[in-house]
mmCIF file of all heavy atoms, coordinates in Angstrom:
data_MODEL
# 
_entry.id   MODEL 
# 
loop_
_atom_site.group_PDB 
_atom_site.id 
_atom_site.type_symbol 
_atom_site.label_atom_id 
_atom_site.label_alt_id 
_atom_site.label_comp_id 
_atom_site.label_asym_id 
_atom_site.label_entity_id 
_atom_site.label_seq_id 
_atom_site.pdbx_PDB_ins_code 
_atom_site.Cartn_x 
_atom_site.Cartn_y 
_atom_site.Cartn_z 
_atom_site.occupancy 
_atom_site.B_iso_or_equiv 
_atom_site.pdbx_formal_charge 
_atom_site.auth_seq_id 
_atom_site.auth_comp_id 
_atom_site.auth_asym_id 
_atom_site.auth_atom_id 
_atom_site.pdbx_PDB_model_num 
ATOM 1   N N   . MET A 1 1  ? 15.591  -5.090 -1.839  1.00 0.00 ? 1  MET A N   1 
ATOM 2   C CA  . MET A 1 1  ? 14.456  -5.637 -2.544  1.00 0.00 ? 1  MET A CA  1 
ATOM 3   C C   . MET A 1 1  ? 13.736  -4.519 -3.305  1.00 0.00 ? 1  MET A C   1 
ATOM 4   O O   . MET A 1 1  ? 13.519  -3.450 -2.771  1.00 0.00 ? 1  MET A O   1 
ATOM 5   C CB  . MET A 1 1  ? 13.490  -6.277 -1.573  1.00 0.00 ? 1  MET A CB  1 
ATOM 6   C CG  . MET A 1 1  ? 12.282  -6.934 -2.200  1.00 0.00 ? 1  MET A CG  1 
ATOM 7   S SD  . MET A 1 1  ? 11.292  -7.918 -1.056  1.00 0.00 ? 1  MET A SD  1 
ATOM 8   C CE  . MET A 1 1  ? 12.419  -9.303 -0.726  1.00 0.00 ? 1  MET A CE  1 
ATOM 9   N N   . PRO A 1 2  ? 13.337  -4.794 -4.581  1.00 0.00 ? 2  PRO A N   1 
ATOM 10  C CA  . PRO A 1 2  ? 12.675  -3.767 -5.380  1.00 0.00 ? 2  PRO A CA  1 
ATOM 11  C C   . PRO A 1 2  ? 11.350  -3.305 -4.767  1.00 0.00 ? 2  PRO A C   1 
ATOM 12  O O   . PRO A 1 2  ? 10.676  -4.147 -4.149  1.00 0.00 ? 2  PRO A O   1 
ATOM 13  C CB  . PRO A 1 2  ? 12.465  -4.447 -6.747  1.00 0.00 ? 2  PRO A CB  1 
ATOM 14  C CG  . PRO A 1 2  ? 13.443  -5.592 -6.746  1.00 0.00 ? 2  PRO A CG  1 
ATOM 15  C CD  . PRO A 1 2  ? 13.607  -6.017 -5.356  1.00 0.00 ? 2  PRO A CD  1 
ATOM 16  N N   . VAL A 1 3  ? 11.050  -2.047 -4.938  1.00 0.00 ? 3  VAL A N   1 
ATOM 17  C CA  . VAL A 1 3  ? 9.760   -1.538 -4.404  1.00 0.00 ? 3  VAL A CA  1 
ATOM 18  C C   . VAL A 1 3  ? 8.651   -1.779 -5.433  1.00 0.00 ? 3  VAL A C   1 
ATOM 19  O O   . VAL A 1 3  ? 8.829   -1.415 -6.610  1.00 0.00 ? 3  VAL A O   1 
ATOM 20  C CB  . VAL A 1 3  ? 9.897   -0.010 -4.114  1.00 0.00 ? 3  VAL A CB  1 
ATOM 21  C CG1 . VAL A 1 3  ? 8.548   0.557  -3.716  1.00 0.00 ? 3  VAL A CG1 1 
ATOM 22  C CG2 . VAL A 1 3  ? 10.937  0.226  -3.031  1.00 0.00 ? 3  VAL A CG2 1 
ATOM 23  N N   . ALA A 1 4  ? 7.561   -2.419 -5.001  1.00 0.00 ? 4  ALA A N   1 
ATOM 24  C CA  . ALA A 1 4  ? 6.454   -2.686 -5.859  1.00 0.00 ? 4  ALA A CA  1 
ATOM 25  C C   . ALA A 1 4  ? 5.527   -1.427 -5.815  1.00 0.00 ? 4  ALA A C   1 
ATOM 26  O O   . ALA A 1 4  ? 5.521   -0.660 -4.890  1.00 0.00 ? 4  ALA A O   1 
ATOM 27  C CB  . ALA A 1 4  ? 5.704   -3.894 -5.431  1.00 0.00 ? 4  ALA A CB  1 
ATOM 28  N N   . THR A 1 5  ? 4.691   -1.327 -6.842  1.00 0.00 ? 5  THR A N   1 
ATOM 29  C CA  . THR A 1 5  ? 3.712   -0.273 -6.918  1.00 0.00 ? 5  THR A CA  1 
ATOM 30  C C   . THR A 1 5  ? 2.328   -0.914 -7.126  1.00 0.00 ? 5  THR A C   1 
ATOM 31  O O   . THR A 1 5  ? 2.230   -1.996 -7.676  1.00 0.00 ? 5  THR A O   1 
ATOM 32  C CB  . THR A 1 5  ? 3.979   0.772  -8.079  1.00 0.00 ? 5  THR A CB  1 
ATOM 33  O OG1 . THR A 1 5  ? 3.980   0.050  -9.314  1.00 0.00 ? 5  THR A OG1 1 
ATOM 34  C CG2 . THR A 1 5  ? 5.285   1.493  -7.817  1.00 0.00 ? 5  THR A CG2 1 
ATOM 35  N N   . LEU A 1 6  ? 1.316   -0.196 -6.664  1.00 0.00 ? 6  LEU A N   1 
ATOM 36  C CA  . LEU A 1 6  ? -0.066  -0.735 -6.714  1.00 0.00 ? 6  LEU A CA  1 
ATOM 37  C C   . LEU A 1 6  ? -1.078  0.404  -7.028  1.00 0.00 ? 6  LEU A C   1 
ATOM 38  O O   . LEU A 1 6  ? -1.017  1.415  -6.345  1.00 0.00 ? 6  LEU A O   1 
ATOM 39  C CB  . LEU A 1 6  ? -0.420  -1.395 -5.363  1.00 0.00 ? 6  LEU A CB  1 
ATOM 40  C CG  . LEU A 1 6  ? -1.574  -2.362 -5.251  1.00 0.00 ? 6  LEU A CG  1 
ATOM 41  C CD1 . LEU A 1 6  ? -1.326  -3.616 -6.119  1.00 0.00 ? 6  LEU A CD1 1 
ATOM 42  C CD2 . LEU A 1 6  ? -1.820  -2.711 -3.819  1.00 0.00 ? 6  LEU A CD2 1 
ATOM 43  N N   . PRO A 1 7  ? -1.914  0.215  -8.000  1.00 0.00 ? 7  PRO A N   1 
ATOM 44  C CA  . PRO A 1 7  ? -2.958  1.223  -8.258  1.00 0.00 ? 7  PRO A CA  1 
ATOM 45  C C   . PRO A 1 7  ? -3.796  1.413  -7.012  1.00 0.00 ? 7  PRO A C   1 
ATOM 46  O O   . PRO A 1 7  ? -4.039  0.465  -6.283  1.00 0.00 ? 7  PRO A O   1 
ATOM 47  C CB  . PRO A 1 7  ? -3.724  0.666  -9.446  1.00 0.00 ? 7  PRO A CB  1 
ATOM 48  C CG  . PRO A 1 7  ? -2.842  -0.350 -10.078 1.00 0.00 ? 7  PRO A CG  1 
ATOM 49  C CD  . PRO A 1 7  ? -2.005  -0.909 -8.963  1.00 0.00 ? 7  PRO A CD  1 
ATOM 50  N N   . ALA A 1 8  ? -4.295  2.622  -6.820  1.00 0.00 ? 8  ALA A N   1 
ATOM 51  C CA  . ALA A 1 8  ? -5.112  2.914  -5.658  1.00 0.00 ? 8  ALA A CA  1 
ATOM 52  C C   . ALA A 1 8  ? -6.348  2.021  -5.561  1.00 0.00 ? 8  ALA A C   1 
ATOM 53  O O   . ALA A 1 8  ? -6.731  1.574  -4.482  1.00 0.00 ? 8  ALA A O   1 
ATOM 54  C CB  . ALA A 1 8  ? -5.507  4.409  -5.656  1.00 0.00 ? 8  ALA A CB  1 
ATOM 55  N N   . THR A 1 9  ? -6.949  1.718  -6.704  1.00 0.00 ? 9  THR A N   1 
ATOM 56  C CA  . THR A 1 9  ? -8.189  0.872  -6.691  1.00 0.00 ? 9  THR A CA  1 
ATOM 57  C C   . THR A 1 9  ? -7.816  -0.527 -6.179  1.00 0.00 ? 9  THR A C   1 
ATOM 58  O O   . THR A 1 9  ? -8.621  -1.133 -5.442  1.00 0.00 ? 9  THR A O   1 
ATOM 59  C CB  . THR A 1 9  ? -8.752  0.759  -8.124  1.00 0.00 ? 9  THR A CB  1 
ATOM 60  O OG1 . THR A 1 9  ? -7.710  0.382  -9.034  1.00 0.00 ? 9  THR A OG1 1 
ATOM 61  C CG2 . THR A 1 9  ? -9.348  2.124  -8.512  1.00 0.00 ? 9  THR A CG2 1 
ATOM 62  N N   . GLU A 1 10 ? -6.622  -0.996 -6.505  1.00 0.00 ? 10 GLU A N   1 
ATOM 63  C CA  . GLU A 1 10 ? -6.247  -2.308 -6.022  1.00 0.00 ? 10 GLU A CA  1 
ATOM 64  C C   . GLU A 1 10 ? -5.785  -2.240 -4.550  1.00 0.00 ? 10 GLU A C   1 
ATOM 65  O O   . GLU A 1 10 ? -6.009  -3.181 -3.780  1.00 0.00 ? 10 GLU A O   1 
ATOM 66  C CB  . GLU A 1 10 ? -5.040  -2.849 -6.859  1.00 0.00 ? 10 GLU A CB  1 
ATOM 67  C CG  . GLU A 1 10 ? -4.638  -4.267 -6.557  1.00 0.00 ? 10 GLU A CG  1 
ATOM 68  C CD  . GLU A 1 10 ? -5.609  -5.341 -6.976  1.00 0.00 ? 10 GLU A CD  1 
ATOM 69  O OE1 . GLU A 1 10 ? -6.607  -4.977 -7.674  1.00 0.00 ? 10 GLU A OE1 1 
ATOM 70  O OE2 . GLU A 1 10 ? -5.427  -6.486 -6.598  1.00 0.00 ? 10 GLU A OE2 1 
ATOM 71  N N   . ALA A 1 11 ? -5.242  -1.103 -4.174  1.00 0.00 ? 11 ALA A N   1 
ATOM 72  C CA  . ALA A 1 11 ? -4.835  -0.935 -2.748  1.00 0.00 ? 11 ALA A CA  1 
ATOM 73  C C   . ALA A 1 11 ? -6.082  -0.977 -1.837  1.00 0.00 ? 11 ALA A C   1 
ATOM 74  O O   . ALA A 1 11 ? -6.029  -1.523 -0.753  1.00 0.00 ? 11 ALA A O   1 
ATOM 75  C CB  . ALA A 1 11 ? -4.104  0.427  -2.585  1.00 0.00 ? 11 ALA A CB  1 
ATOM 76  N N   . LEU A 1 12 ? -7.189  -0.408 -2.350  1.00 0.00 ? 12 LEU A N   1 
ATOM 77  C CA  . LEU A 1 12 ? -8.414  -0.493 -1.536  1.00 0.00 ? 12 LEU A CA  1 
ATOM 78  C C   . LEU A 1 12 ? -8.807  -1.915 -1.298  1.00 0.00 ? 12 LEU A C   1 
ATOM 79  O O   . LEU A 1 12 ? -9.161  -2.317 -0.180  1.00 0.00 ? 12 LEU A O   1 
ATOM 80  C CB  . LEU A 1 12 ? -9.579  0.234  -2.312  1.00 0.00 ? 12 LEU A CB  1 
ATOM 81  C CG  . LEU A 1 12 ? -9.971  1.619  -1.848  1.00 0.00 ? 12 LEU A CG  1 
ATOM 82  C CD1 . LEU A 1 12 ? -8.867  2.616  -2.251  1.00 0.00 ? 12 LEU A CD1 1 
ATOM 83  C CD2 . LEU A 1 12 ? -11.298 2.024  -2.471  1.00 0.00 ? 12 LEU A CD2 1 
ATOM 84  N N   . ARG A 1 13 ? -8.748  -2.707 -2.330  1.00 0.00 ? 13 ARG A N   1 
ATOM 85  C CA  . ARG A 1 13 ? -9.179  -4.130 -2.241  1.00 0.00 ? 13 ARG A CA  1 
ATOM 86  C C   . ARG A 1 13 ? -8.228  -4.928 -1.341  1.00 0.00 ? 13 ARG A C   1 
ATOM 87  O O   . ARG A 1 13 ? -8.681  -5.845 -0.604  1.00 0.00 ? 13 ARG A O   1 
ATOM 88  C CB  . ARG A 1 13 ? -9.273  -4.754 -3.640  1.00 0.00 ? 13 ARG A CB  1 
ATOM 89  C CG  . ARG A 1 13 ? -9.909  -6.119 -3.667  1.00 0.00 ? 13 ARG A CG  1 
ATOM 90  C CD  . ARG A 1 13 ? -9.963  -6.642 -5.091  1.00 0.00 ? 13 ARG A CD  1 
ATOM 91  N NE  . ARG A 1 13 ? -8.637  -6.954 -5.609  1.00 0.00 ? 13 ARG A NE  1 
ATOM 92  C CZ  . ARG A 1 13 ? -7.981  -8.074 -5.376  1.00 0.00 ? 13 ARG A CZ  1 
ATOM 93  N NH1 . ARG A 1 13 ? -8.508  -8.991 -4.602  1.00 0.00 ? 13 ARG A NH1 1 
ATOM 94  N NH2 . ARG A 1 13 ? -6.762  -8.256 -5.900  1.00 0.00 ? 13 ARG A NH2 1 
ATOM 95  N N   . ARG A 1 14 ? -6.928  -4.650 -1.392  1.00 0.00 ? 14 ARG A N   1 
ATOM 96  C CA  . ARG A 1 14 ? -5.963  -5.463 -0.734  1.00 0.00 ? 14 ARG A CA  1 
ATOM 97  C C   . ARG A 1 14 ? -5.432  -4.806 0.612   1.00 0.00 ? 14 ARG A C   1 
ATOM 98  O O   . ARG A 1 14 ? -4.453  -5.285 1.158   1.00 0.00 ? 14 ARG A O   1 
ATOM 99  C CB  . ARG A 1 14 ? -4.748  -5.696 -1.656  1.00 0.00 ? 14 ARG A CB  1 
ATOM 100 C CG  . ARG A 1 14 ? -5.085  -6.606 -2.835  1.00 0.00 ? 14 ARG A CG  1 
ATOM 101 C CD  . ARG A 1 14 ? -3.911  -6.780 -3.783  1.00 0.00 ? 14 ARG A CD  1 
ATOM 102 N NE  . ARG A 1 14 ? -2.677  -7.089 -3.013  1.00 0.00 ? 14 ARG A NE  1 
ATOM 103 C CZ  . ARG A 1 14 ? -1.466  -7.079 -3.567  1.00 0.00 ? 14 ARG A CZ  1 
ATOM 104 N NH1 . ARG A 1 14 ? -1.295  -6.799 -4.898  1.00 0.00 ? 14 ARG A NH1 1 
ATOM 105 N NH2 . ARG A 1 14 ? -0.397  -7.389 -2.856  1.00 0.00 ? 14 ARG A NH2 1 
ATOM 106 N N   . LEU A 1 15 ? -6.110  -3.775 1.065   1.00 0.00 ? 15 LEU A N   1 
ATOM 107 C CA  . LEU A 1 15 ? -5.595  -3.027 2.193   1.00 0.00 ? 15 LEU A CA  1 
ATOM 108 C C   . LEU A 1 15 ? -5.235  -3.893 3.393   1.00 0.00 ? 15 LEU A C   1 
ATOM 109 O O   . LEU A 1 15 ? -4.196  -3.667 4.068   1.00 0.00 ? 15 LEU A O   1 
ATOM 110 C CB  . LEU A 1 15 ? -6.674  -1.960 2.600   1.00 0.00 ? 15 LEU A CB  1 
ATOM 111 C CG  . LEU A 1 15 ? -6.252  -1.044 3.724   1.00 0.00 ? 15 LEU A CG  1 
ATOM 112 C CD1 . LEU A 1 15 ? -4.986  -0.245 3.352   1.00 0.00 ? 15 LEU A CD1 1 
ATOM 113 C CD2 . LEU A 1 15 ? -7.423  -0.089 4.092   1.00 0.00 ? 15 LEU A CD2 1 
ATOM 114 N N   . ASP A 1 16 ? -6.069  -4.837 3.683   1.00 0.00 ? 16 ASP A N   1 
ATOM 115 C CA  . ASP A 1 16 ? -5.843  -5.675 4.901   1.00 0.00 ? 16 ASP A CA  1 
ATOM 116 C C   . ASP A 1 16 ? -4.763  -6.734 4.737   1.00 0.00 ? 16 ASP A C   1 
ATOM 117 O O   . ASP A 1 16 ? -4.459  -7.446 5.720   1.00 0.00 ? 16 ASP A O   1 
ATOM 118 C CB  . ASP A 1 16 ? -7.131  -6.343 5.315   1.00 0.00 ? 16 ASP A CB  1 
ATOM 119 C CG  . ASP A 1 16 ? -8.191  -5.340 5.803   1.00 0.00 ? 16 ASP A CG  1 
ATOM 120 O OD1 . ASP A 1 16 ? -7.792  -4.243 6.295   1.00 0.00 ? 16 ASP A OD1 1 
ATOM 121 O OD2 . ASP A 1 16 ? -9.417  -5.629 5.651   1.00 0.00 ? 16 ASP A OD2 1 
ATOM 122 N N   . THR A 1 17 ? -4.169  -6.837 3.555   1.00 0.00 ? 17 THR A N   1 
ATOM 123 C CA  . THR A 1 17 ? -3.079  -7.785 3.358   1.00 0.00 ? 17 THR A CA  1 
ATOM 124 C C   . THR A 1 17 ? -1.737  -7.280 3.756   1.00 0.00 ? 17 THR A C   1 
ATOM 125 O O   . THR A 1 17 ? -0.753  -8.020 3.797   1.00 0.00 ? 17 THR A O   1 
ATOM 126 C CB  . THR A 1 17 ? -3.043  -8.270 1.896   1.00 0.00 ? 17 THR A CB  1 
ATOM 127 O OG1 . THR A 1 17 ? -2.634  -7.161 1.047   1.00 0.00 ? 17 THR A OG1 1 
ATOM 128 C CG2 . THR A 1 17 ? -4.404  -8.796 1.458   1.00 0.00 ? 17 THR A CG2 1 
ATOM 129 N N   . PHE A 1 18 ? -1.647  -5.986 4.056   1.00 0.00 ? 18 PHE A N   1 
ATOM 130 C CA  . PHE A 1 18 ? -0.348  -5.344 4.413   1.00 0.00 ? 18 PHE A CA  1 
ATOM 131 C C   . PHE A 1 18 ? -0.237  -5.313 5.947   1.00 0.00 ? 18 PHE A C   1 
ATOM 132 O O   . PHE A 1 18 ? -1.164  -5.133 6.658   1.00 0.00 ? 18 PHE A O   1 
ATOM 133 C CB  . PHE A 1 18 ? -0.262  -3.937 3.863   1.00 0.00 ? 18 PHE A CB  1 
ATOM 134 C CG  . PHE A 1 18 ? -0.255  -3.946 2.339   1.00 0.00 ? 18 PHE A CG  1 
ATOM 135 C CD1 . PHE A 1 18 ? -1.413  -3.705 1.631   1.00 0.00 ? 18 PHE A CD1 1 
ATOM 136 C CD2 . PHE A 1 18 ? 0.927   -4.175 1.654   1.00 0.00 ? 18 PHE A CD2 1 
ATOM 137 C CE1 . PHE A 1 18 ? -1.439  -3.724 0.244   1.00 0.00 ? 18 PHE A CE1 1 
ATOM 138 C CE2 . PHE A 1 18 ? 0.925   -4.181 0.240   1.00 0.00 ? 18 PHE A CE2 1 
ATOM 139 C CZ  . PHE A 1 18 ? -0.235  -3.924 -0.436  1.00 0.00 ? 18 PHE A CZ  1 
ATOM 140 N N   . ASP A 1 19 ? 0.996   -5.484 6.422   1.00 0.00 ? 19 ASP A N   1 
ATOM 141 C CA  . ASP A 1 19 ? 1.292   -5.532 7.848   1.00 0.00 ? 19 ASP A CA  1 
ATOM 142 C C   . ASP A 1 19 ? 1.094   -4.120 8.447   1.00 0.00 ? 19 ASP A C   1 
ATOM 143 O O   . ASP A 1 19 ? 0.615   -3.999 9.596   1.00 0.00 ? 19 ASP A O   1 
ATOM 144 C CB  . ASP A 1 19 ? 2.660   -6.036 8.145   1.00 0.00 ? 19 ASP A CB  1 
ATOM 145 C CG  . ASP A 1 19 ? 2.850   -7.454 7.678   1.00 0.00 ? 19 ASP A CG  1 
ATOM 146 O OD1 . ASP A 1 19 ? 1.911   -8.246 7.862   1.00 0.00 ? 19 ASP A OD1 1 
ATOM 147 O OD2 . ASP A 1 19 ? 3.942   -7.793 7.130   1.00 0.00 ? 19 ASP A OD2 1 
ATOM 148 N N   . THR A 1 20 ? 1.520   -3.121 7.740   1.00 0.00 ? 20 THR A N   1 
ATOM 149 C CA  . THR A 1 20 ? 1.475   -1.731 8.202   1.00 0.00 ? 20 THR A CA  1 
ATOM 150 C C   . THR A 1 20 ? 1.208   -0.824 7.049   1.00 0.00 ? 20 THR A C   1 
ATOM 151 O O   . THR A 1 20 ? 1.651   -1.033 5.923   1.00 0.00 ? 20 THR A O   1 
ATOM 152 C CB  . THR A 1 20 ? 2.798   -1.315 8.872   1.00 0.00 ? 20 THR A CB  1 
ATOM 153 O OG1 . THR A 1 20 ? 3.209   -2.307 9.843   1.00 0.00 ? 20 THR A OG1 1 
ATOM 154 C CG2 . THR A 1 20 ? 2.707   0.059  9.525   1.00 0.00 ? 20 THR A CG2 1 
ATOM 155 N N   . VAL A 1 21 ? 0.422   0.259  7.271   1.00 0.00 ? 21 VAL A N   1 
ATOM 156 C CA  . VAL A 1 21 ? 0.245   1.324  6.290   1.00 0.00 ? 21 VAL A CA  1 
ATOM 157 C C   . VAL A 1 21 ? 0.960   2.539  6.813   1.00 0.00 ? 21 VAL A C   1 
ATOM 158 O O   . VAL A 1 21 ? 0.772   2.987  7.960   1.00 0.00 ? 21 VAL A O   1 
ATOM 159 C CB  . VAL A 1 21 ? -1.287  1.588  6.043   1.00 0.00 ? 21 VAL A CB  1 
ATOM 160 C CG1 . VAL A 1 21 ? -1.419  2.643  4.953   1.00 0.00 ? 21 VAL A CG1 1 
ATOM 161 C CG2 . VAL A 1 21 ? -2.005  0.357  5.692   1.00 0.00 ? 21 VAL A CG2 1 
ATOM 162 N N   . ILE A 1 22 ? 1.835   3.132  5.973   1.00 0.00 ? 22 ILE A N   1 
ATOM 163 C CA  . ILE A 1 22 ? 2.650   4.242  6.409   1.00 0.00 ? 22 ILE A CA  1 
ATOM 164 C C   . ILE A 1 22 ? 2.361   5.496  5.551   1.00 0.00 ? 22 ILE A C   1 
ATOM 165 O O   . ILE A 1 22 ? 2.464   5.443  4.313   1.00 0.00 ? 22 ILE A O   1 
ATOM 166 C CB  . ILE A 1 22 ? 4.165   3.932  6.337   1.00 0.00 ? 22 ILE A CB  1 
ATOM 167 C CG1 . ILE A 1 22 ? 4.492   2.689  7.152   1.00 0.00 ? 22 ILE A CG1 1 
ATOM 168 C CG2 . ILE A 1 22 ? 4.989   5.129  6.739   1.00 0.00 ? 22 ILE A CG2 1 
ATOM 169 C CD1 . ILE A 1 22 ? 5.946   2.234  7.026   1.00 0.00 ? 22 ILE A CD1 1 
ATOM 170 N N   . ASP A 1 23 ? 1.998   6.560  6.246   1.00 0.00 ? 23 ASP A N   1 
ATOM 171 C CA  . ASP A 1 23 ? 1.720   7.842  5.597   1.00 0.00 ? 23 ASP A CA  1 
ATOM 172 C C   . ASP A 1 23 ? 2.963   8.687  5.759   1.00 0.00 ? 23 ASP A C   1 
ATOM 173 O O   . ASP A 1 23 ? 3.354   9.097  6.873   1.00 0.00 ? 23 ASP A O   1 
ATOM 174 C CB  . ASP A 1 23 ? 0.550   8.511  6.314   1.00 0.00 ? 23 ASP A CB  1 
ATOM 175 C CG  . ASP A 1 23 ? 0.110   9.829  5.678   1.00 0.00 ? 23 ASP A CG  1 
ATOM 176 O OD1 . ASP A 1 23 ? 0.836   10.347 4.826   1.00 0.00 ? 23 ASP A OD1 1 
ATOM 177 O OD2 . ASP A 1 23 ? -0.991  10.305 6.061   1.00 0.00 ? 23 ASP A OD2 1 
ATOM 178 N N   . ALA A 1 24 ? 3.600   8.961  4.623   1.00 0.00 ? 24 ALA A N   1 
ATOM 179 C CA  . ALA A 1 24 ? 4.894   9.742  4.649   1.00 0.00 ? 24 ALA A CA  1 
ATOM 180 C C   . ALA A 1 24 ? 4.669   11.241 4.584   1.00 0.00 ? 24 ALA A C   1 
ATOM 181 O O   . ALA A 1 24 ? 5.643   12.021 4.528   1.00 0.00 ? 24 ALA A O   1 
ATOM 182 C CB  . ALA A 1 24 ? 5.779   9.304  3.530   1.00 0.00 ? 24 ALA A CB  1 
ATOM 183 N N   . ARG A 1 25 ? 3.425   11.683 4.599   1.00 0.00 ? 25 ARG A N   1 
ATOM 184 C CA  . ARG A 1 25 ? 3.144   13.120 4.569   1.00 0.00 ? 25 ARG A CA  1 
ATOM 185 C C   . ARG A 1 25 ? 3.357   13.775 5.949   1.00 0.00 ? 25 ARG A C   1 
ATOM 186 O O   . ARG A 1 25 ? 3.642   13.104 6.953   1.00 0.00 ? 25 ARG A O   1 
ATOM 187 C CB  . ARG A 1 25 ? 1.674   13.362 4.108   1.00 0.00 ? 25 ARG A CB  1 
ATOM 188 C CG  . ARG A 1 25 ? 1.343   12.807 2.695   1.00 0.00 ? 25 ARG A CG  1 
ATOM 189 C CD  . ARG A 1 25 ? -0.107  12.945 2.412   1.00 0.00 ? 25 ARG A CD  1 
ATOM 190 N NE  . ARG A 1 25 ? -0.922  12.272 3.412   1.00 0.00 ? 25 ARG A NE  1 
ATOM 191 C CZ  . ARG A 1 25 ? -2.189  12.496 3.650   1.00 0.00 ? 25 ARG A CZ  1 
ATOM 192 N NH1 . ARG A 1 25 ? -2.801  13.484 2.972   1.00 0.00 ? 25 ARG A NH1 1 
ATOM 193 N NH2 . ARG A 1 25 ? -2.849  11.848 4.617   1.00 0.00 ? 25 ARG A NH2 1 
ATOM 194 N N   . SER A 1 26 ? 3.135   15.052 6.016   1.00 0.00 ? 26 SER A N   1 
ATOM 195 C CA  . SER A 1 26 ? 3.350   15.779 7.277   1.00 0.00 ? 26 SER A CA  1 
ATOM 196 C C   . SER A 1 26 ? 2.256   15.491 8.287   1.00 0.00 ? 26 SER A C   1 
ATOM 197 O O   . SER A 1 26 ? 1.189   14.940 7.930   1.00 0.00 ? 26 SER A O   1 
ATOM 198 C CB  . SER A 1 26 ? 3.377   17.296 6.991   1.00 0.00 ? 26 SER A CB  1 
ATOM 199 O OG  . SER A 1 26 ? 2.093   17.753 6.563   1.00 0.00 ? 26 SER A OG  1 
# 
């Protein structure tokens, strides 16, 4: 499935609509 992208401002508004938030940093 293609990966979607989302501007950070929209990610703030829609944060609770995602099942999991994953930080790929160290």
